[in-house]
Amino acid sequence: MPRLKEDSPVIEPDCDITETDFGRFCEVKRGSRVALSSFGDYSYCDRYCDIANATIGNFANIASFVRIGATDHPLDRASLHHFMYRSDDLWDDAERDAAFFAHRRARRATIGHDTWLGHNCQIKPEITVGDGAVVASGAIVTRDVAPYTIVAGTPARPLRLRQPPEIAARLIALAWWDWDHATLRARLDDFRALPAEAFLEKYE
């Protein structure tokens, strides 16, 4: 496994990356497609993810086969088919429907800091997954997920809290995900050894 880099993401073979910005120490695993998105520092996606129109915070953990920002079709027109907006693929004298693509691009999904998206889950457009939240494997998220909440199911519903509300609020206020690389290294042993409340008491 290659060492992660501060100045450029590690992108494995067979990935398709389009108009996407990456922070420091990011990684995109084999076969993933990422378009029109941004990855915060230390965030990664595992194999065969499909991510579009997404803003992803720092330290996001995205498992394999996750889909974020799945594109949609127009439900209010006479047809659902993409011949209406990808028209230049079919006719030399037709243009793409630029307004349709602009609307699709504007419907961004937002993934918070220190999140975990489980294998094969799906985050719909315009959804926010709050800081510290967990989405269970196979879940389909159609509503916003509150910070430090674990959701599961289709459609996803709250299962339990990852941290009590007062601890979650303190972690968000601490914002350790914005610490610099050297500080993270200096406090690595405490990240490993201390429960969240003890960690907060030491570093607040």
C-alpha atoms as a PDB file:
ATOM      1  CA  MET A   1       0.000   0.000   0.000  1.00  0.00           C
ATOM      2  CA  PRO A   2       1.512   3.360  -1.004  1.00  0.00           C
ATOM      3  CA  ARG A   3       2.324   6.003   1.576  1.00  0.00           C
ATOM      4  CA  LEU A   4      -0.231   8.814   1.488  1.00  0.00           C
ATOM      5  CA  LYS A   5       0.941  12.186   0.236  1.00  0.00           C
ATOM      6  CA  GLU A   6       0.352  15.703   1.468  1.00  0.00           C
ATOM      7  CA  ASP A   7       0.569  17.370  -1.919  1.00  0.00           C
ATOM      8  CA  SER A   8      -1.455  15.024  -4.146  1.00  0.00           C
ATOM      9  CA  PRO A   9      -4.029  12.252  -3.693  1.00  0.00           C
ATOM     10  CA  VAL A  10      -3.148   8.596  -4.122  1.00  0.00           C
ATOM     11  CA  ILE A  11      -5.422   7.388  -6.919  1.00  0.00           C
ATOM     12  CA  GLU A  12      -5.430   3.680  -7.745  1.00  0.00           C
ATOM     13  CA  PRO A  13      -5.860   2.265 -11.275  1.00  0.00           C
ATOM     14  CA  ASP A  14      -9.119   2.360 -13.255  1.00  0.00           C
ATOM     15  CA  CYS A  15     -10.476   5.466 -11.525  1.00  0.00           C
ATOM     16  CA  ASP A  16     -12.320   8.216 -13.370  1.00  0.00           C
ATOM     17  CA  ILE A  17     -11.763  11.611 -11.704  1.00  0.00           C
ATOM     18  CA  THR A  18     -13.442  14.723 -13.140  1.00  0.00           C
ATOM     19  CA  GLU A  19     -13.255  18.283 -11.813  1.00  0.00           C
ATOM     20  CA  THR A  20     -12.565  17.242  -8.235  1.00  0.00           C
ATOM     21  CA  ASP A  21     -10.379  18.918  -5.621  1.00  0.00           C
ATOM     22  CA  PHE A  22      -8.479  16.977  -2.969  1.00  0.00           C
ATOM     23  CA  GLY A  23      -7.036  18.066   0.352  1.00  0.00           C
ATOM     24  CA  ARG A  24      -3.963  16.574   1.993  1.00  0.00           C
ATOM     25  CA  PHE A  25      -3.405  12.821   2.447  1.00  0.00           C
ATOM     26  CA  CYS A  26      -6.421  11.710   0.405  1.00  0.00           C
ATOM     27  CA  GLU A  27      -6.924   8.359  -1.320  1.00  0.00           C
ATOM     28  CA  VAL A  28      -9.234   6.997  -4.007  1.00  0.00           C
ATOM     29  CA  LYS A  29      -9.251   3.230  -4.386  1.00  0.00           C
ATOM     30  CA  ARG A  30      -9.468   1.163  -7.558  1.00  0.00           C
ATOM     31  CA  GLY A  31     -12.361   1.572  -9.962  1.00  0.00           C
ATOM     32  CA  SER A  32     -13.982   4.578  -8.310  1.00  0.00           C
ATOM     33  CA  ARG A  33     -15.651   7.400 -10.216  1.00  0.00           C
ATOM     34  CA  VAL A  34     -15.548  10.867  -8.666  1.00  0.00           C
ATOM     35  CA  ALA A  35     -16.945  13.940 -10.394  1.00  0.00           C
ATOM     36  CA  LEU A  36     -17.547  17.593  -9.549  1.00  0.00           C
ATOM     37  CA  SER A  37     -16.677  17.055  -5.890  1.00  0.00           C
ATOM     38  CA  SER A  38     -14.216  18.029  -3.181  1.00  0.00           C
ATOM     39  CA  PHE A  39     -12.450  15.876  -0.583  1.00  0.00           C
ATOM     40  CA  GLY A  40     -11.234  17.364   2.685  1.00  0.00           C
ATOM     41  CA  ASP A  41      -7.917  16.462   4.298  1.00  0.00           C
ATOM     42  CA  TYR A  42      -7.316  12.778   5.143  1.00  0.00           C
ATOM     43  CA  SER A  43     -10.557  11.634   3.495  1.00  0.00           C
ATOM     44  CA  TYR A  44     -10.703   8.540   1.318  1.00  0.00           C
ATOM     45  CA  CYS A  45     -13.032   6.261  -0.569  1.00  0.00           C
ATOM     46  CA  ASP A  46     -12.569   2.536  -0.962  1.00  0.00           C
ATOM     47  CA  ARG A  47     -13.062   0.515  -4.169  1.00  0.00           C
ATOM     48  CA  TYR A  48     -15.743   1.150  -6.782  1.00  0.00           C
ATOM     49  CA  CYS A  49     -17.371   4.193  -5.254  1.00  0.00           C
ATOM     50  CA  ASP A  50     -19.494   6.522  -7.373  1.00  0.00           C
ATOM     51  CA  ILE A  51     -19.411  10.088  -6.072  1.00  0.00           C
ATOM     52  CA  ALA A  52     -20.818  13.166  -7.789  1.00  0.00           C
ATOM     53  CA  ASN A  53     -21.644  16.727  -6.771  1.00  0.00           C
ATOM     54  CA  ALA A  54     -20.424  16.191  -3.213  1.00  0.00           C
ATOM     55  CA  THR A  55     -18.599  18.252  -0.609  1.00  0.00           C
ATOM     56  CA  ILE A  56     -16.740  15.891   1.709  1.00  0.00           C
ATOM     57  CA  GLY A  57     -15.192  17.072   4.961  1.00  0.00           C
ATOM     58  CA  ASN A  58     -11.960  16.032   6.675  1.00  0.00           C
ATOM     59  CA  PHE A  59     -11.345  12.458   7.848  1.00  0.00           C
ATOM     60  CA  ALA A  60     -14.334  10.981   5.979  1.00  0.00           C
ATOM     61  CA  ASN A  61     -14.234   7.177   5.804  1.00  0.00           C
ATOM     62  CA  ILE A  62     -16.098   6.007   2.691  1.00  0.00           C
ATOM     63  CA  ALA A  63     -16.351   2.235   2.270  1.00  0.00           C
ATOM     64  CA  SER A  64     -16.487   0.300  -1.000  1.00  0.00           C
ATOM     65  CA  PHE A  65     -19.383   0.584  -3.460  1.00  0.00           C
ATOM     66  CA  VAL A  66     -20.778   3.738  -1.815  1.00  0.00           C
ATOM     67  CA  ARG A  67     -22.777   6.086  -4.022  1.00  0.00           C
ATOM     68  CA  ILE A  68     -23.063   9.765  -3.162  1.00  0.00           C
ATOM     69  CA  GLY A  69     -25.162  12.242  -5.113  1.00  0.00           C
ATOM     70  CA  ALA A  70     -26.751   9.770  -7.485  1.00  0.00           C
ATOM     71  CA  THR A  71     -27.925  11.590 -10.583  1.00  0.00           C
ATOM     72  CA  ASP A  72     -31.639  11.772 -11.205  1.00  0.00           C
ATOM     73  CA  HIS A  73     -34.015  11.961 -14.163  1.00  0.00           C
ATOM     74  CA  PRO A  74     -36.718  14.570 -14.809  1.00  0.00           C
ATOM     75  CA  LEU A  75     -39.985  13.276 -13.402  1.00  0.00           C
ATOM     76  CA  ASP A  76     -42.153  16.121 -14.655  1.00  0.00           C
ATOM     77  CA  ARG A  77     -41.472  15.772 -18.390  1.00  0.00           C
ATOM     78  CA  ALA A  78     -43.045  13.549 -21.020  1.00  0.00           C
ATOM     79  CA  SER A  79     -40.025  11.235 -20.803  1.00  0.00           C
ATOM     80  CA  LEU A  80     -37.420  10.237 -18.235  1.00  0.00           C
ATOM     81  CA  HIS A  81     -34.758   9.418 -20.810  1.00  0.00           C
ATOM     82  CA  HIS A  82     -31.481  11.256 -21.191  1.00  0.00           C
ATOM     83  CA  PHE A  83     -32.033  11.850 -24.909  1.00  0.00           C
ATOM     84  CA  MET A  84     -33.634  15.138 -23.771  1.00  0.00           C
ATOM     85  CA  TYR A  85     -30.512  16.499 -22.103  1.00  0.00           C
ATOM     86  CA  ARG A  86     -27.668  14.477 -23.677  1.00  0.00           C
ATOM     87  CA  SER A  87     -29.101  15.270 -27.090  1.00  0.00           C
ATOM     88  CA  ASP A  88     -25.724  15.911 -28.748  1.00  0.00           C
ATOM     89  CA  ASP A  89     -24.903  12.221 -28.249  1.00  0.00           C
ATOM     90  CA  LEU A  90     -27.667  11.415 -30.730  1.00  0.00           C
ATOM     91  CA  TRP A  91     -27.977  14.319 -33.183  1.00  0.00           C
ATOM     92  CA  ASP A  92     -25.362  16.502 -34.809  1.00  0.00           C
ATOM     93  CA  ASP A  93     -27.639  19.538 -34.771  1.00  0.00           C
ATOM     94  CA  ALA A  94     -28.808  19.276 -31.109  1.00  0.00           C
ATOM     95  CA  GLU A  95     -27.129  20.773 -28.066  1.00  0.00           C
ATOM     96  CA  ARG A  96     -26.968  19.502 -24.529  1.00  0.00           C
ATOM     97  CA  ASP A  97     -29.520  20.859 -22.080  1.00  0.00           C
ATOM     98  CA  ALA A  98     -27.101  23.039 -20.128  1.00  0.00           C
ATOM     99  CA  ALA A  99     -29.756  24.189 -17.648  1.00  0.00           C
ATOM    100  CA  PHE A 100     -30.570  20.602 -16.679  1.00  0.00           C
ATOM    101  CA  PHE A 101     -26.909  19.812 -15.986  1.00  0.00           C
ATOM    102  CA  ALA A 102     -26.463  23.052 -14.009  1.00  0.00           C
ATOM    103  CA  HIS A 103     -29.466  22.149 -11.846  1.00  0.00           C
ATOM    104  CA  ARG A 104     -28.102  18.650 -11.248  1.00  0.00           C
ATOM    105  CA  ARG A 105     -24.683  20.000 -10.330  1.00  0.00           C
ATOM    106  CA  ALA A 106     -26.199  22.472  -7.850  1.00  0.00           C
ATOM    107  CA  ARG A 107     -27.883  19.699  -5.846  1.00  0.00           C
ATOM    108  CA  ARG A 108     -24.830  18.906  -3.738  1.00  0.00           C
ATOM    109  CA  ALA A 109     -24.544  16.298  -1.018  1.00  0.00           C
ATOM    110  CA  THR A 110     -22.516  17.317   2.026  1.00  0.00           C
ATOM    111  CA  ILE A 111     -20.567  14.803   4.111  1.00  0.00           C
ATOM    112  CA  GLY A 112     -19.261  16.094   7.447  1.00  0.00           C
ATOM    113  CA  HIS A 113     -15.952  15.611   9.228  1.00  0.00           C
ATOM    114  CA  ASP A 114     -15.014  12.260  10.830  1.00  0.00           C
ATOM    115  CA  THR A 115     -17.887  10.402   9.170  1.00  0.00           C
ATOM    116  CA  TRP A 116     -18.185   6.735   8.195  1.00  0.00           C
ATOM    117  CA  LEU A 117     -20.252   5.664   5.213  1.00  0.00           C
ATOM    118  CA  GLY A 118     -20.681   1.879   5.260  1.00  0.00           C
ATOM    119  CA  HIS A 119     -20.346  -0.511   2.334  1.00  0.00           C
ATOM    120  CA  ASN A 120     -22.878  -0.076  -0.463  1.00  0.00           C
ATOM    121  CA  CYS A 121     -24.821   2.749   1.155  1.00  0.00           C
ATOM    122  CA  GLN A 122     -26.271   5.594  -0.863  1.00  0.00           C
ATOM    123  CA  ILE A 123     -26.497   9.296  -0.050  1.00  0.00           C
ATOM    124  CA  LYS A 124     -29.055  11.125  -2.185  1.00  0.00           C
ATOM    125  CA  PRO A 125     -28.508  14.635  -3.621  1.00  0.00           C
ATOM    126  CA  GLU A 126     -28.940  17.644  -1.326  1.00  0.00           C
ATOM    127  CA  ILE A 127     -28.480  15.506   1.805  1.00  0.00           C
ATOM    128  CA  THR A 128     -26.200  16.518   4.673  1.00  0.00           C
ATOM    129  CA  VAL A 129     -24.521  13.850   6.793  1.00  0.00           C
ATOM    130  CA  GLY A 130     -23.429  15.642   9.966  1.00  0.00           C
ATOM    131  CA  ASP A 131     -20.003  15.571  11.615  1.00  0.00           C
ATOM    132  CA  GLY A 132     -19.212  12.293  13.346  1.00  0.00           C
ATOM    133  CA  ALA A 133     -22.207  10.452  11.866  1.00  0.00           C
ATOM    134  CA  VAL A 134     -22.242   6.822  10.711  1.00  0.00           C
ATOM    135  CA  VAL A 135     -24.312   5.405   7.841  1.00  0.00           C
ATOM    136  CA  ALA A 136     -24.749   1.628   8.044  1.00  0.00           C
ATOM    137  CA  SER A 137     -23.986  -0.716   5.160  1.00  0.00           C
ATOM    138  CA  GLY A 138     -26.698  -0.798   2.531  1.00  0.00           C
ATOM    139  CA  ALA A 139     -28.608   2.191   3.899  1.00  0.00           C
ATOM    140  CA  ILE A 140     -30.263   4.674   1.548  1.00  0.00           C
ATOM    141  CA  VAL A 141     -30.138   8.146   3.048  1.00  0.00           C
ATOM    142  CA  THR A 142     -33.006  10.376   1.920  1.00  0.00           C
ATOM    143  CA  ARG A 143     -33.022  12.803   4.883  1.00  0.00           C
ATOM    144  CA  ASP A 144     -30.304  14.739   6.647  1.00  0.00           C
ATOM    145  CA  VAL A 145     -28.364  12.840   9.313  1.00  0.00           C
ATOM    146  CA  ALA A 146     -27.711  14.679  12.578  1.00  0.00           C
ATOM    147  CA  PRO A 147     -24.132  14.865  13.892  1.00  0.00           C
ATOM    148  CA  TYR A 148     -22.870  11.828  15.802  1.00  0.00           C
ATOM    149  CA  THR A 149     -25.934   9.776  14.867  1.00  0.00           C
ATOM    150  CA  ILE A 150     -25.882   6.223  13.466  1.00  0.00           C
ATOM    151  CA  VAL A 151     -28.504   5.548  10.788  1.00  0.00           C
ATOM    152  CA  ALA A 152     -29.490   2.307   9.067  1.00  0.00           C
ATOM    153  CA  GLY A 153     -32.123   0.921   6.719  1.00  0.00           C
ATOM    154  CA  THR A 154     -33.963   1.811   3.520  1.00  0.00           C
ATOM    155  CA  PRO A 155     -34.824   4.561   3.877  1.00  0.00           C
ATOM    156  CA  ALA A 156     -32.287   5.269   6.594  1.00  0.00           C
ATOM    157  CA  ARG A 157     -33.583   6.024  10.076  1.00  0.00           C
ATOM    158  CA  PRO A 158     -31.727   6.840  13.312  1.00  0.00           C
ATOM    159  CA  LEU A 159     -30.528   3.684  15.060  1.00  0.00           C
ATOM    160  CA  ARG A 160     -28.713   5.221  18.024  1.00  0.00           C
ATOM    161  CA  LEU A 161     -26.336   8.017  18.957  1.00  0.00           C
ATOM    162  CA  ARG A 162     -22.631   7.498  18.447  1.00  0.00           C
ATOM    163  CA  GLN A 163     -21.895   9.890  21.323  1.00  0.00           C
ATOM    164  CA  PRO A 164     -24.207  11.540  23.884  1.00  0.00           C
ATOM    165  CA  PRO A 165     -25.334  15.006  22.744  1.00  0.00           C
ATOM    166  CA  GLU A 166     -23.141  16.860  25.243  1.00  0.00           C
ATOM    167  CA  ILE A 167     -20.020  14.912  24.160  1.00  0.00           C
ATOM    168  CA  ALA A 168     -20.903  15.383  20.485  1.00  0.00           C
ATOM    169  CA  ALA A 169     -21.254  19.143  20.984  1.00  0.00           C
ATOM    170  CA  ARG A 170     -17.884  19.302  22.722  1.00  0.00           C
ATOM    171  CA  LEU A 171     -16.185  17.287  19.966  1.00  0.00           C
ATOM    172  CA  ILE A 172     -17.629  19.601  17.333  1.00  0.00           C
ATOM    173  CA  ALA A 173     -16.427  22.628  19.295  1.00  0.00           C
ATOM    174  CA  LEU A 174     -12.958  21.075  19.701  1.00  0.00           C
ATOM    175  CA  ALA A 175     -12.808  20.516  15.906  1.00  0.00           C
ATOM    176  CA  TRP A 176      -9.767  18.273  16.184  1.00  0.00           C
ATOM    177  CA  TRP A 177     -10.152  17.536  12.466  1.00  0.00           C
ATOM    178  CA  ASP A 178      -8.683  20.983  11.798  1.00  0.00           C
ATOM    179  CA  TRP A 179      -5.499  20.319  13.773  1.00  0.00           C
ATOM    180  CA  ASP A 180      -2.271  20.358  11.798  1.00  0.00           C
ATOM    181  CA  HIS A 181      -0.377  17.217  10.869  1.00  0.00           C
ATOM    182  CA  ALA A 182       2.266  17.616  13.578  1.00  0.00           C
ATOM    183  CA  THR A 183      -0.346  18.097  16.309  1.00  0.00           C
ATOM    184  CA  LEU A 184      -2.223  14.996  15.200  1.00  0.00           C
ATOM    185  CA  ARG A 185       1.011  13.015  15.414  1.00  0.00           C
ATOM    186  CA  ALA A 186       1.869  14.418  18.838  1.00  0.00           C
ATOM    187  CA  ARG A 187      -1.553  13.392  20.172  1.00  0.00           C
ATOM    188  CA  LEU A 188      -1.796  10.065  18.346  1.00  0.00           C
ATOM    189  CA  ASP A 189      -1.315   7.970  21.485  1.00  0.00           C
ATOM    190  CA  ASP A 190      -4.205   9.766  23.180  1.00  0.00           C
ATOM    191  CA  PHE A 191      -6.460   9.282  20.145  1.00  0.00           C
ATOM    192  CA  ARG A 192      -5.732   5.567  20.477  1.00  0.00           C
ATOM    193  CA  ALA A 193      -5.976   5.203  24.248  1.00  0.00           C
ATOM    194  CA  LEU A 194      -8.469   7.714  25.626  1.00  0.00           C
ATOM    195  CA  PRO A 195     -12.273   7.524  25.539  1.00  0.00           C
ATOM    196  CA  ALA A 196     -13.875  10.581  23.948  1.00  0.00           C
ATOM    197  CA  GLU A 197     -14.714  12.299  27.248  1.00  0.00           C
ATOM    198  CA  ALA A 198     -11.206  11.865  28.664  1.00  0.00           C
ATOM    199  CA  PHE A 199      -9.760  13.110  25.380  1.00  0.00           C
ATOM    200  CA  LEU A 200     -11.951  16.212  25.604  1.00  0.00           C
ATOM    201  CA  GLU A 201     -10.942  16.870  29.199  1.00  0.00           C
ATOM    202  CA  LYS A 202      -7.292  16.813  28.176  1.00  0.00           C
ATOM    203  CA  TYR A 203      -7.524  19.002  25.068  1.00  0.00           C
ATOM    204  CA  GLU A 204     -10.426  21.405  25.461  1.00  0.00           C
END
